[in-house]
Amino acid sequence: MPCSAAAVAERRAAGPRGRKERVMLTIFLRHDQSKTLEEINAHLDRTGFRAKFPPAGVEVASWYVMMGIGQVVTLRFPASRLREVNLMIEQGAWGAYRTDFYPTYDYRPVWEQSRAGAHP
């Protein structure tokens, strides 16, 4: 019986005992400084980026503004949804922002353990 690409991706994303693996992705949304803020906002409105991003089921772990850079968004989601997240950025944010993507993990628990004298 043939499987859809999405079903195959879901199975590949399943970790031990079938648990879905989640990934974190940090996205730098660097302002296109050749545009005014009004032009950037008009682009985001025209593409519907604000209404669509992030897709349902994708968690925003953090979203910061970095003065002089733009916005830095860290998302957490099932690995099988990486393409969907990427397409949403391409179709909505490109033209308003230049983008950089960084696989991310939460180092804080390791740091806290280290400060407490326990080394992982």
PDB file of N, CA and C in Angstrom:
ATOM      1  N   MET A   1       0.848  -1.176   0.000  1.00  0.00           N
ATOM      2  CA  MET A   1       0.000   0.000   0.000  1.00  0.00           C
ATOM      3  C   MET A   1       0.897   1.244   0.000  1.00  0.00           C
ATOM      4  N   PRO A   2       0.779   2.134  -0.991  1.00  0.00           N
ATOM      5  CA  PRO A   2       1.634   3.314  -1.059  1.00  0.00           C
ATOM      6  C   PRO A   2       1.339   4.280   0.085  1.00  0.00           C
ATOM      7  N   CYS A   3       2.405   4.957   0.535  1.00  0.00           N
ATOM      8  CA  CYS A   3       2.281   5.933   1.617  1.00  0.00           C
ATOM      9  C   CYS A   3       2.526   7.330   1.069  1.00  0.00           C
ATOM     10  N   SER A   4       1.870   8.294   1.667  1.00  0.00           N
ATOM     11  CA  SER A   4       2.110   9.678   1.279  1.00  0.00           C
ATOM     12  C   SER A   4       3.468  10.118   1.799  1.00  0.00           C
ATOM     13  N   ALA A   5       4.013  11.157   1.180  1.00  0.00           N
ATOM     14  CA  ALA A   5       5.299  11.700   1.632  1.00  0.00           C
ATOM     15  C   ALA A   5       5.196  12.172   3.070  1.00  0.00           C
ATOM     16  N   ALA A   6       4.048  12.738   3.441  1.00  0.00           N
ATOM     17  CA  ALA A   6       3.865  13.218   4.814  1.00  0.00           C
ATOM     18  C   ALA A   6       3.900  12.054   5.806  1.00  0.00           C
ATOM     19  N   ALA A   7       3.281  10.924   5.444  1.00  0.00           N
ATOM     20  CA  ALA A   7       3.272   9.755   6.327  1.00  0.00           C
ATOM     21  C   ALA A   7       4.676   9.202   6.505  1.00  0.00           C
ATOM     22  N   VAL A   8       5.446   9.170   5.412  1.00  0.00           N
ATOM     23  CA  VAL A   8       6.828   8.704   5.487  1.00  0.00           C
ATOM     24  C   VAL A   8       7.642   9.624   6.385  1.00  0.00           C
ATOM     25  N   ALA A   9       7.460  10.944   6.215  1.00  0.00           N
ATOM     26  CA  ALA A   9       8.192  11.920   7.033  1.00  0.00           C
ATOM     27  C   ALA A   9       7.829  11.763   8.503  1.00  0.00           C
ATOM     28  N   GLU A  10       6.551  11.521   8.803  1.00  0.00           N
ATOM     29  CA  GLU A  10       6.120  11.337  10.193  1.00  0.00           C
ATOM     30  C   GLU A  10       6.804  10.118  10.807  1.00  0.00           C
ATOM     31  N   ARG A  11       6.871   9.012  10.052  1.00  0.00           N
ATOM     32  CA  ARG A  11       7.525   7.806  10.562  1.00  0.00           C
ATOM     33  C   ARG A  11       9.010   8.057  10.797  1.00  0.00           C
ATOM     34  N   ARG A  12       9.650   8.770   9.881  1.00  0.00           N
ATOM     35  CA  ARG A  12      11.079   9.067  10.028  1.00  0.00           C
ATOM     36  C   ARG A  12      11.328   9.970  11.228  1.00  0.00           C
ATOM     37  N   ALA A  13      10.362  10.823  11.549  1.00  0.00           N
ATOM     38  CA  ALA A  13      10.520  11.748  12.674  1.00  0.00           C
ATOM     39  C   ALA A  13      10.254  11.071  14.013  1.00  0.00           C
ATOM     40  N   ALA A  14       9.697   9.869  13.970  1.00  0.00           N
ATOM     41  CA  ALA A  14       9.391   9.162  15.206  1.00  0.00           C
ATOM     42  C   ALA A  14      10.680   8.674  15.843  1.00  0.00           C
ATOM     43  N   GLY A  15      10.825   8.930  17.096  1.00  0.00           N
ATOM     44  CA  GLY A  15      12.014   8.512  17.832  1.00  0.00           C
ATOM     45  C   GLY A  15      11.749   7.203  18.542  1.00  0.00           C
ATOM     46  N   PRO A  16      12.443   6.961  19.652  1.00  0.00           N
ATOM     47  CA  PRO A  16      12.256   5.734  20.416  1.00  0.00           C
ATOM     48  C   PRO A  16      10.790   5.535  20.803  1.00  0.00           C
ATOM     49  N   ARG A  17      10.329   4.324  20.664  1.00  0.00           N
ATOM     50  CA  ARG A  17       8.951   3.947  21.020  1.00  0.00           C
ATOM     51  C   ARG A  17       7.898   4.770  20.284  1.00  0.00           C
ATOM     52  N   GLY A  18       8.257   5.279  19.086  1.00  0.00           N
ATOM     53  CA  GLY A  18       7.281   5.979  18.260  1.00  0.00           C
ATOM     54  C   GLY A  18       7.039   7.426  18.651  1.00  0.00           C
ATOM     55  N   ARG A  19       7.754   7.933  19.650  1.00  0.00           N
ATOM     56  CA  ARG A  19       7.569   9.325  20.087  1.00  0.00           C
ATOM     57  C   ARG A  19       8.076  10.258  18.992  1.00  0.00           C
ATOM     58  N   LYS A  20       7.302  11.253  18.651  1.00  0.00           N
ATOM     59  CA  LYS A  20       7.714  12.210  17.621  1.00  0.00           C
ATOM     60  C   LYS A  20       8.818  13.095  18.153  1.00  0.00           C
ATOM     61  N   GLU A  21       9.878  13.217  17.372  1.00  0.00           N
ATOM     62  CA  GLU A  21      10.989  14.075  17.761  1.00  0.00           C
ATOM     63  C   GLU A  21      10.656  15.518  17.397  1.00  0.00           C
ATOM     64  N   ARG A  22      10.970  16.408  18.295  1.00  0.00           N
ATOM     65  CA  ARG A  22      10.753  17.837  18.060  1.00  0.00           C
ATOM     66  C   ARG A  22      12.110  18.489  17.874  1.00  0.00           C
ATOM     67  N   VAL A  23      12.147  19.455  16.991  1.00  0.00           N
ATOM     68  CA  VAL A  23      13.371  20.205  16.740  1.00  0.00           C
ATOM     69  C   VAL A  23      13.125  21.657  17.106  1.00  0.00           C
ATOM     70  N   MET A  24      14.224  22.357  17.333  1.00  0.00           N
ATOM     71  CA  MET A  24      14.143  23.792  17.546  1.00  0.00           C
ATOM     72  C   MET A  24      14.888  24.448  16.401  1.00  0.00           C
ATOM     73  N   LEU A  25      14.356  25.562  15.948  1.00  0.00           N
ATOM     74  CA  LEU A  25      14.949  26.298  14.840  1.00  0.00           C
ATOM     75  C   LEU A  25      14.905  27.780  15.175  1.00  0.00           C
ATOM     76  N   THR A  26      16.065  28.427  15.121  1.00  0.00           N
ATOM     77  CA  THR A  26      16.125  29.869  15.332  1.00  0.00           C
ATOM     78  C   THR A  26      16.225  30.544  13.983  1.00  0.00           C
ATOM     79  N   ILE A  27      15.367  31.522  13.762  1.00  0.00           N
ATOM     80  CA  ILE A  27      15.313  32.235  12.485  1.00  0.00           C
ATOM     81  C   ILE A  27      15.607  33.702  12.743  1.00  0.00           C
ATOM     82  N   PHE A  28      16.620  34.228  12.055  1.00  0.00           N
ATOM     83  CA  PHE A  28      16.894  35.659  12.091  1.00  0.00           C
ATOM     84  C   PHE A  28      16.107  36.295  10.955  1.00  0.00           C
ATOM     85  N   LEU A  29      15.229  37.207  11.281  1.00  0.00           N
ATOM     86  CA  LEU A  29      14.480  37.980  10.294  1.00  0.00           C
ATOM     87  C   LEU A  29      15.148  39.355  10.248  1.00  0.00           C
ATOM     88  N   ARG A  30      16.100  39.501   9.348  1.00  0.00           N
ATOM     89  CA  ARG A  30      16.868  40.749   9.251  1.00  0.00           C
ATOM     90  C   ARG A  30      16.103  41.738   8.392  1.00  0.00           C
ATOM     91  N   HIS A  31      15.840  42.911   8.955  1.00  0.00           N
ATOM     92  CA  HIS A  31      15.089  43.926   8.218  1.00  0.00           C
ATOM     93  C   HIS A  31      15.786  44.272   6.914  1.00  0.00           C
ATOM     94  N   ASP A  32      15.009  44.394   5.851  1.00  0.00           N
ATOM     95  CA  ASP A  32      15.532  44.899   4.578  1.00  0.00           C
ATOM     96  C   ASP A  32      15.634  46.408   4.733  1.00  0.00           C
ATOM     97  N   GLN A  33      16.842  46.901   4.960  1.00  0.00           N
ATOM     98  CA  GLN A  33      17.016  48.315   5.285  1.00  0.00           C
ATOM     99  C   GLN A  33      16.867  49.228   4.075  1.00  0.00           C
ATOM    100  N   SER A  34      16.634  48.637   2.901  1.00  0.00           N
ATOM    101  CA  SER A  34      16.347  49.476   1.735  1.00  0.00           C
ATOM    102  C   SER A  34      14.869  49.874   1.721  1.00  0.00           C
ATOM    103  N   LYS A  35      14.091  49.327   2.663  1.00  0.00           N
ATOM    104  CA  LYS A  35      12.658  49.619   2.750  1.00  0.00           C
ATOM    105  C   LYS A  35      12.344  50.335   4.047  1.00  0.00           C
ATOM    106  N   THR A  36      11.321  51.152   3.996  1.00  0.00           N
ATOM    107  CA  THR A  36      10.835  51.796   5.217  1.00  0.00           C
ATOM    108  C   THR A  36      10.025  50.782   6.010  1.00  0.00           C
ATOM    109  N   LEU A  37       9.783  51.099   7.278  1.00  0.00           N
ATOM    110  CA  LEU A  37       8.964  50.229   8.109  1.00  0.00           C
ATOM    111  C   LEU A  37       7.569  50.072   7.508  1.00  0.00           C
ATOM    112  N   GLU A  38       7.031  51.148   6.946  1.00  0.00           N
ATOM    113  CA  GLU A  38       5.707  51.076   6.324  1.00  0.00           C
ATOM    114  C   GLU A  38       5.717  50.097   5.142  1.00  0.00           C
ATOM    115  N   GLU A  39       6.787  50.097   4.349  1.00  0.00           N
ATOM    116  CA  GLU A  39       6.885  49.179   3.210  1.00  0.00           C
ATOM    117  C   GLU A  39       7.016  47.727   3.686  1.00  0.00           C
ATOM    118  N   ILE A  40       7.788  47.521   4.739  1.00  0.00           N
ATOM    119  CA  ILE A  40       7.930  46.167   5.294  1.00  0.00           C
ATOM    120  C   ILE A  40       6.581  45.672   5.802  1.00  0.00           C
ATOM    121  N   ASN A  41       5.872  46.515   6.566  1.00  0.00           N
ATOM    122  CA  ASN A  41       4.562  46.127   7.097  1.00  0.00           C
ATOM    123  C   ASN A  41       3.564  45.867   5.977  1.00  0.00           C
ATOM    124  N   ALA A  42       3.595  46.680   4.910  1.00  0.00           N
ATOM    125  CA  ALA A  42       2.692  46.475   3.773  1.00  0.00           C
ATOM    126  C   ALA A  42       2.967  45.124   3.117  1.00  0.00           C
ATOM    127  N   HIS A  43       4.236  44.767   2.985  1.00  0.00           N
ATOM    128  CA  HIS A  43       4.590  43.462   2.400  1.00  0.00           C
ATOM    129  C   HIS A  43       4.054  42.321   3.265  1.00  0.00           C
ATOM    130  N   LEU A  44       4.258  42.415   4.587  1.00  0.00           N
ATOM    131  CA  LEU A  44       3.789  41.372   5.495  1.00  0.00           C
ATOM    132  C   LEU A  44       2.264  41.259   5.475  1.00  0.00           C
ATOM    133  N   ASP A  45       1.577  42.391   5.347  1.00  0.00           N
ATOM    134  CA  ASP A  45       0.116  42.375   5.235  1.00  0.00           C
ATOM    135  C   ASP A  45      -0.323  41.734   3.922  1.00  0.00           C
ATOM    136  N   ARG A  46       0.340  42.119   2.832  1.00  0.00           N
ATOM    137  CA  ARG A  46      -0.005  41.604   1.502  1.00  0.00           C
ATOM    138  C   ARG A  46       0.168  40.088   1.414  1.00  0.00           C
ATOM    139  N   THR A  47       1.231  39.558   2.021  1.00  0.00           N
ATOM    140  CA  THR A  47       1.487  38.113   1.960  1.00  0.00           C
ATOM    141  C   THR A  47       0.729  37.340   3.029  1.00  0.00           C
ATOM    142  N   GLY A  48       0.139  38.039   3.989  1.00  0.00           N
ATOM    143  CA  GLY A  48      -0.580  37.372   5.074  1.00  0.00           C
ATOM    144  C   GLY A  48       0.343  36.712   6.087  1.00  0.00           C
ATOM    145  N   PHE A  49       1.602  37.121   6.102  1.00  0.00           N
ATOM    146  CA  PHE A  49       2.587  36.475   6.966  1.00  0.00           C
ATOM    147  C   PHE A  49       2.178  36.503   8.432  1.00  0.00           C
ATOM    148  N   ARG A  50       1.756  37.640   8.926  1.00  0.00           N
ATOM    149  CA  ARG A  50       1.405  37.752  10.352  1.00  0.00           C
ATOM    150  C   ARG A  50       0.236  36.837  10.727  1.00  0.00           C
ATOM    151  N   ALA A  51      -0.709  36.691   9.827  1.00  0.00           N
ATOM    152  CA  ALA A  51      -1.883  35.857  10.108  1.00  0.00           C
ATOM    153  C   ALA A  51      -1.544  34.366  10.035  1.00  0.00           C
ATOM    154  N   LYS A  52      -0.555  33.985   9.206  1.00  0.00           N
ATOM    155  CA  LYS A  52      -0.252  32.571   8.974  1.00  0.00           C
ATOM    156  C   LYS A  52       0.921  32.034   9.783  1.00  0.00           C
ATOM    157  N   PHE A  53       1.771  32.919  10.279  1.00  0.00           N
ATOM    158  CA  PHE A  53       2.994  32.456  10.921  1.00  0.00           C
ATOM    159  C   PHE A  53       2.916  32.618  12.421  1.00  0.00           C
ATOM    160  N   PRO A  54       3.257  31.635  13.191  1.00  0.00           N
ATOM    161  CA  PRO A  54       3.687  30.306  12.772  1.00  0.00           C
ATOM    162  C   PRO A  54       2.478  29.436  12.458  1.00  0.00           C
ATOM    163  N   PRO A  55       2.704  28.357  11.712  1.00  0.00           N
ATOM    164  CA  PRO A  55       1.581  27.449  11.423  1.00  0.00           C
ATOM    165  C   PRO A  55       1.027  26.847  12.716  1.00  0.00           C
ATOM    166  N   ALA A  56      -0.213  26.451  12.693  1.00  0.00           N
ATOM    167  CA  ALA A  56      -0.835  25.800  13.855  1.00  0.00           C
ATOM    168  C   ALA A  56       0.010  24.596  14.266  1.00  0.00           C
ATOM    169  N   GLY A  57       0.213  24.450  15.561  1.00  0.00           N
ATOM    170  CA  GLY A  57       0.982  23.322  16.075  1.00  0.00           C
ATOM    171  C   GLY A  57       2.477  23.570  16.154  1.00  0.00           C
ATOM    172  N   VAL A  58       2.922  24.735  15.701  1.00  0.00           N
ATOM    173  CA  VAL A  58       4.332  25.116  15.817  1.00  0.00           C
ATOM    174  C   VAL A  58       4.433  26.092  16.979  1.00  0.00           C
ATOM    175  N   GLU A  59       5.248  25.743  17.958  1.00  0.00           N
ATOM    176  CA  GLU A  59       5.375  26.548  19.176  1.00  0.00           C
ATOM    177  C   GLU A  59       6.441  27.630  19.006  1.00  0.00           C
ATOM    178  N   VAL A  60       6.115  28.835  19.438  1.00  0.00           N
ATOM    179  CA  VAL A  60       7.097  29.910  19.486  1.00  0.00           C
ATOM    180  C   VAL A  60       7.771  29.826  20.851  1.00  0.00           C
ATOM    181  N   ALA A  61       9.031  29.406  20.873  1.00  0.00           N
ATOM    182  CA  ALA A  61       9.780  29.300  22.124  1.00  0.00           C
ATOM    183  C   ALA A  61      10.241  30.680  22.581  1.00  0.00           C
ATOM    184  N   SER A  62      10.588  31.540  21.633  1.00  0.00           N
ATOM    185  CA  SER A  62      10.951  32.925  21.962  1.00  0.00           C
ATOM    186  C   SER A  62      10.851  33.773  20.697  1.00  0.00           C
ATOM    187  N   TRP A  63      10.645  35.060  20.898  1.00  0.00           N
ATOM    188  CA  TRP A  63      10.571  35.999  19.767  1.00  0.00           C
ATOM    189  C   TRP A  63      11.054  37.344  20.284  1.00  0.00           C
ATOM    190  N   TYR A  64      12.229  37.730  19.845  1.00  0.00           N
ATOM    191  CA  TYR A  64      12.855  38.961  20.322  1.00  0.00           C
ATOM    192  C   TYR A  64      13.119  39.912  19.170  1.00  0.00           C
ATOM    193  N   VAL A  65      13.149  41.196  19.492  1.00  0.00           N
ATOM    194  CA  VAL A  65      13.618  42.216  18.563  1.00  0.00           C
ATOM    195  C   VAL A  65      15.049  42.537  18.967  1.00  0.00           C
ATOM    196  N   MET A  66      15.945  42.522  17.984  1.00  0.00           N
ATOM    197  CA  MET A  66      17.334  42.912  18.215  1.00  0.00           C
ATOM    198  C   MET A  66      17.556  44.205  17.454  1.00  0.00           C
ATOM    199  N   MET A  67      17.698  45.288  18.189  1.00  0.00           N
ATOM    200  CA  MET A  67      17.850  46.600  17.552  1.00  0.00           C
ATOM    201  C   MET A  67      19.049  46.559  16.606  1.00  0.00           C
ATOM    202  N   GLY A  68      18.840  47.071  15.398  1.00  0.00           N
ATOM    203  CA  GLY A  68      19.883  47.100  14.382  1.00  0.00           C
ATOM    204  C   GLY A  68      19.974  45.824  13.573  1.00  0.00           C
ATOM    205  N   ILE A  69      19.280  44.778  13.984  1.00  0.00           N
ATOM    206  CA  ILE A  69      19.309  43.485  13.285  1.00  0.00           C
ATOM    207  C   ILE A  69      17.932  43.175  12.701  1.00  0.00           C
ATOM    208  N   GLY A  70      16.954  43.100  13.555  1.00  0.00           N
ATOM    209  CA  GLY A  70      15.612  42.700  13.151  1.00  0.00           C
ATOM    210  C   GLY A  70      14.985  41.876  14.255  1.00  0.00           C
ATOM    211  N   GLN A  71      14.407  40.746  13.889  1.00  0.00           N
ATOM    212  CA  GLN A  71      13.731  39.890  14.850  1.00  0.00           C
ATOM    213  C   GLN A  71      14.392  38.517  14.851  1.00  0.00           C
ATOM    214  N   VAL A  72      14.394  37.897  16.037  1.00  0.00           N
ATOM    215  CA  VAL A  72      14.963  36.561  16.200  1.00  0.00           C
ATOM    216  C   VAL A  72      13.872  35.686  16.802  1.00  0.00           C
ATOM    217  N   VAL A  73      13.473  34.676  16.048  1.00  0.00           N
ATOM    218  CA  VAL A  73      12.374  33.795  16.440  1.00  0.00           C
ATOM    219  C   VAL A  73      12.918  32.392  16.625  1.00  0.00           C
ATOM    220  N   THR A  74      12.608  31.771  17.762  1.00  0.00           N
ATOM    221  CA  THR A  74      12.962  30.364  17.952  1.00  0.00           C
ATOM    222  C   THR A  74      11.667  29.568  18.036  1.00  0.00           C
ATOM    223  N   LEU A  75      11.567  28.568  17.168  1.00  0.00           N
ATOM    224  CA  LEU A  75      10.382  27.722  17.077  1.00  0.00           C
ATOM    225  C   LEU A  75      10.714  26.317  17.560  1.00  0.00           C
ATOM    226  N   ARG A  76       9.692  25.596  18.027  1.00  0.00           N
ATOM    227  CA  ARG A  76       9.815  24.188  18.395  1.00  0.00           C
ATOM    228  C   ARG A  76       8.675  23.457  17.689  1.00  0.00           C
ATOM    229  N   PHE A  77       9.021  22.373  16.970  1.00  0.00           N
ATOM    230  CA  PHE A  77       8.013  21.669  16.186  1.00  0.00           C
ATOM    231  C   PHE A  77       8.510  20.279  15.811  1.00  0.00           C
ATOM    232  N   PRO A  78       7.589  19.400  15.358  1.00  0.00           N
ATOM    233  CA  PRO A  78       8.018  18.077  14.895  1.00  0.00           C
ATOM    234  C   PRO A  78       8.933  18.223  13.674  1.00  0.00           C
ATOM    235  N   ALA A  79       9.980  17.427  13.644  1.00  0.00           N
ATOM    236  CA  ALA A  79      10.957  17.508  12.556  1.00  0.00           C
ATOM    237  C   ALA A  79      10.301  17.366  11.185  1.00  0.00           C
ATOM    238  N   SER A  80       9.241  16.619  11.103  1.00  0.00           N
ATOM    239  CA  SER A  80       8.565  16.398   9.823  1.00  0.00           C
ATOM    240  C   SER A  80       7.941  17.668   9.247  1.00  0.00           C
ATOM    241  N   ARG A  81       7.849  18.733  10.041  1.00  0.00           N
ATOM    242  CA  ARG A  81       7.205  19.971   9.579  1.00  0.00           C
ATOM    243  C   ARG A  81       8.202  21.030   9.141  1.00  0.00           C
ATOM    244  N   LEU A  82       9.483  20.672   9.071  1.00  0.00           N
ATOM    245  CA  LEU A  82      10.521  21.636   8.709  1.00  0.00           C
ATOM    246  C   LEU A  82      10.252  22.276   7.358  1.00  0.00           C
ATOM    247  N   ARG A  83       9.902  21.500   6.365  1.00  0.00           N
ATOM    248  CA  ARG A  83       9.638  22.057   5.031  1.00  0.00           C
ATOM    249  C   ARG A  83       8.496  23.059   5.070  1.00  0.00           C
ATOM    250  N   GLU A  84       7.435  22.738   5.794  1.00  0.00           N
ATOM    251  CA  GLU A  84       6.277  23.639   5.911  1.00  0.00           C
ATOM    252  C   GLU A  84       6.680  24.975   6.526  1.00  0.00           C
ATOM    253  N   VAL A  85       7.487  24.928   7.573  1.00  0.00           N
ATOM    254  CA  VAL A  85       7.953  26.166   8.215  1.00  0.00           C
ATOM    255  C   VAL A  85       8.804  26.965   7.238  1.00  0.00           C
ATOM    256  N   ASN A  86       9.704  26.287   6.541  1.00  0.00           N
ATOM    257  CA  ASN A  86      10.564  26.963   5.562  1.00  0.00           C
ATOM    258  C   ASN A  86       9.736  27.633   4.470  1.00  0.00           C
ATOM    259  N   LEU A  87       8.768  26.929   3.912  1.00  0.00           N
ATOM    260  CA  LEU A  87       7.926  27.498   2.855  1.00  0.00           C
ATOM    261  C   LEU A  87       7.153  28.713   3.344  1.00  0.00           C
ATOM    262  N   MET A  88       6.677  28.658   4.575  1.00  0.00           N
ATOM    263  CA  MET A  88       5.923  29.785   5.109  1.00  0.00           C
ATOM    264  C   MET A  88       6.798  31.033   5.183  1.00  0.00           C
ATOM    265  N   ILE A  89       8.061  30.859   5.576  1.00  0.00           N
ATOM    266  CA  ILE A  89       8.996  31.993   5.612  1.00  0.00           C
ATOM    267  C   ILE A  89       9.238  32.504   4.196  1.00  0.00           C
ATOM    268  N   GLU A  90       9.525  31.595   3.275  1.00  0.00           N
ATOM    269  CA  GLU A  90       9.794  31.990   1.889  1.00  0.00           C
ATOM    270  C   GLU A  90       8.620  32.743   1.272  1.00  0.00           C
ATOM    271  N   GLN A  91       7.414  32.254   1.493  1.00  0.00           N
ATOM    272  CA  GLN A  91       6.239  32.826   0.845  1.00  0.00           C
ATOM    273  C   GLN A  91       5.719  34.087   1.530  1.00  0.00           C
ATOM    274  N   GLY A  92       6.093  34.304   2.787  1.00  0.00           N
ATOM    275  CA  GLY A  92       5.543  35.457   3.495  1.00  0.00           C
ATOM    276  C   GLY A  92       6.545  36.501   3.919  1.00  0.00           C
ATOM    277  N   ALA A  93       7.724  36.055   4.357  1.00  0.00           N
ATOM    278  CA  ALA A  93       8.681  36.995   4.935  1.00  0.00           C
ATOM    279  C   ALA A  93       9.697  37.512   3.927  1.00  0.00           C
ATOM    280  N   TRP A  94      10.024  36.681   2.936  1.00  0.00           N
ATOM    281  CA  TRP A  94      11.006  37.135   1.952  1.00  0.00           C
ATOM    282  C   TRP A  94      10.477  38.361   1.239  1.00  0.00           C
ATOM    283  N   GLY A  95      11.305  39.351   1.094  1.00  0.00           N
ATOM    284  CA  GLY A  95      10.894  40.626   0.519  1.00  0.00           C
ATOM    285  C   GLY A  95      10.779  41.694   1.596  1.00  0.00           C
ATOM    286  N   ALA A  96      10.520  41.254   2.822  1.00  0.00           N
ATOM    287  CA  ALA A  96      10.508  42.162   3.967  1.00  0.00           C
ATOM    288  C   ALA A  96      11.765  41.952   4.807  1.00  0.00           C
ATOM    289  N   TYR A  97      12.223  40.707   4.843  1.00  0.00           N
ATOM    290  CA  TYR A  97      13.381  40.327   5.646  1.00  0.00           C
ATOM    291  C   TYR A  97      14.356  39.491   4.820  1.00  0.00           C
ATOM    292  N   ARG A  98      15.618  39.558   5.197  1.00  0.00           N
ATOM    293  CA  ARG A  98      16.597  38.559   4.783  1.00  0.00           C
ATOM    294  C   ARG A  98      16.602  37.549   5.928  1.00  0.00           C
ATOM    295  N   THR A  99      16.771  36.289   5.635  1.00  0.00           N
ATOM    296  CA  THR A  99      16.625  35.273   6.677  1.00  0.00           C
ATOM    297  C   THR A  99      17.878  34.431   6.839  1.00  0.00           C
ATOM    298  N   ASP A 100      18.115  34.035   8.066  1.00  0.00           N
ATOM    299  CA  ASP A 100      19.145  33.070   8.428  1.00  0.00           C
ATOM    300  C   ASP A 100      18.473  32.037   9.320  1.00  0.00           C
ATOM    301  N   PHE A 101      18.838  30.772   9.145  1.00  0.00           N
ATOM    302  CA  PHE A 101      18.252  29.683   9.919  1.00  0.00           C
ATOM    303  C   PHE A 101      19.343  28.942  10.683  1.00  0.00           C
ATOM    304  N   TYR A 102      19.067  28.643  11.950  1.00  0.00           N
ATOM    305  CA  TYR A 102      20.038  27.950  12.790  1.00  0.00           C
ATOM    306  C   TYR A 102      19.345  26.848  13.593  1.00  0.00           C
ATOM    307  N   PRO A 103      19.766  25.580  13.406  1.00  0.00           N
ATOM    308  CA  PRO A 103      19.259  24.531  14.296  1.00  0.00           C
ATOM    309  C   PRO A 103      19.677  24.911  15.721  1.00  0.00           C
ATOM    310  N   THR A 104      18.800  24.686  16.668  1.00  0.00           N
ATOM    311  CA  THR A 104      18.992  25.195  18.019  1.00  0.00           C
ATOM    312  C   THR A 104      18.666  24.105  19.031  1.00  0.00           C
ATOM    313  N   TYR A 105      19.324  24.173  20.193  1.00  0.00           N
ATOM    314  CA  TYR A 105      18.891  23.330  21.303  1.00  0.00           C
ATOM    315  C   TYR A 105      18.981  24.130  22.585  1.00  0.00           C
ATOM    316  N   ASP A 106      18.229  23.678  23.571  1.00  0.00           N
ATOM    317  CA  ASP A 106      18.138  24.388  24.841  1.00  0.00           C
ATOM    318  C   ASP A 106      19.327  23.994  25.720  1.00  0.00           C
ATOM    319  N   TYR A 107      20.276  24.881  25.861  1.00  0.00           N
ATOM    320  CA  TYR A 107      21.486  24.631  26.646  1.00  0.00           C
ATOM    321  C   TYR A 107      21.297  24.957  28.130  1.00  0.00           C
ATOM    322  N   ARG A 108      20.237  25.666  28.450  1.00  0.00           N
ATOM    323  CA  ARG A 108      20.067  26.130  29.826  1.00  0.00           C
ATOM    324  C   ARG A 108      20.122  25.007  30.864  1.00  0.00           C
ATOM    325  N   PRO A 109      19.437  23.871  30.677  1.00  0.00           N
ATOM    326  CA  PRO A 109      19.527  22.809  31.690  1.00  0.00           C
ATOM    327  C   PRO A 109      20.961  22.299  31.872  1.00  0.00           C
ATOM    328  N   VAL A 110      21.729  22.234  30.803  1.00  0.00           N
ATOM    329  CA  VAL A 110      23.124  21.795  30.886  1.00  0.00           C
ATOM    330  C   VAL A 110      23.930  22.826  31.670  1.00  0.00           C
ATOM    331  N   TRP A 111      23.718  24.094  31.363  1.00  0.00           N
ATOM    332  CA  TRP A 111      24.406  25.180  32.056  1.00  0.00           C
ATOM    333  C   TRP A 111      24.077  25.162  33.545  1.00  0.00           C
ATOM    334  N   GLU A 112      22.784  24.992  33.863  1.00  0.00           N
ATOM    335  CA  GLU A 112      22.378  24.970  35.267  1.00  0.00           C
ATOM    336  C   GLU A 112      23.002  23.788  36.008  1.00  0.00           C
ATOM    337  N   GLN A 113      23.052  22.652  35.357  1.00  0.00           N
ATOM    338  CA  GLN A 113      23.665  21.455  35.941  1.00  0.00           C
ATOM    339  C   GLN A 113      25.158  21.700  36.186  1.00  0.00           C
ATOM    340  N   SER A 114      25.798  22.327  35.231  1.00  0.00           N
ATOM    341  CA  SER A 114      27.222  22.624  35.327  1.00  0.00           C
ATOM    342  C   SER A 114      27.505  23.584  36.482  1.00  0.00           C
ATOM    343  N   ARG A 115      26.663  24.589  36.633  1.00  0.00           N
ATOM    344  CA  ARG A 115      26.844  25.570  37.724  1.00  0.00           C
ATOM    345  C   ARG A 115      26.623  24.915  39.084  1.00  0.00           C
ATOM    346  N   ALA A 116      25.794  23.890  39.121  1.00  0.00           N
ATOM    347  CA  ALA A 116      25.530  23.190  40.370  1.00  0.00           C
ATOM    348  C   ALA A 116      26.635  22.187  40.697  1.00  0.00           C
ATOM    349  N   GLY A 117      27.615  22.056  39.783  1.00  0.00           N
ATOM    350  CA  GLY A 117      28.736  21.156  40.023  1.00  0.00           C
ATOM    351  C   GLY A 117      28.582  19.777  39.435  1.00  0.00           C
ATOM    352  N   ALA A 118      27.437  19.512  38.840  1.00  0.00           N
ATOM    353  CA  ALA A 118      27.217  18.211  38.191  1.00  0.00           C
ATOM    354  C   ALA A 118      27.482  18.377  36.702  1.00  0.00           C
ATOM    355  N   HIS A 119      28.408  17.609  36.197  1.00  0.00           N
ATOM    356  CA  HIS A 119      28.742  17.702  34.769  1.00  0.00           C
ATOM    357  C   HIS A 119      28.015  16.610  34.008  1.00  0.00           C
ATOM    358  N   PRO A 120      27.346  17.014  32.906  1.00  0.00           N
ATOM    359  CA  PRO A 120      26.571  16.023  32.142  1.00  0.00           C
ATOM    360  C   PRO A 120      27.461  15.004  31.473  1.00  0.00           C
TER     361      PRO A 120
END
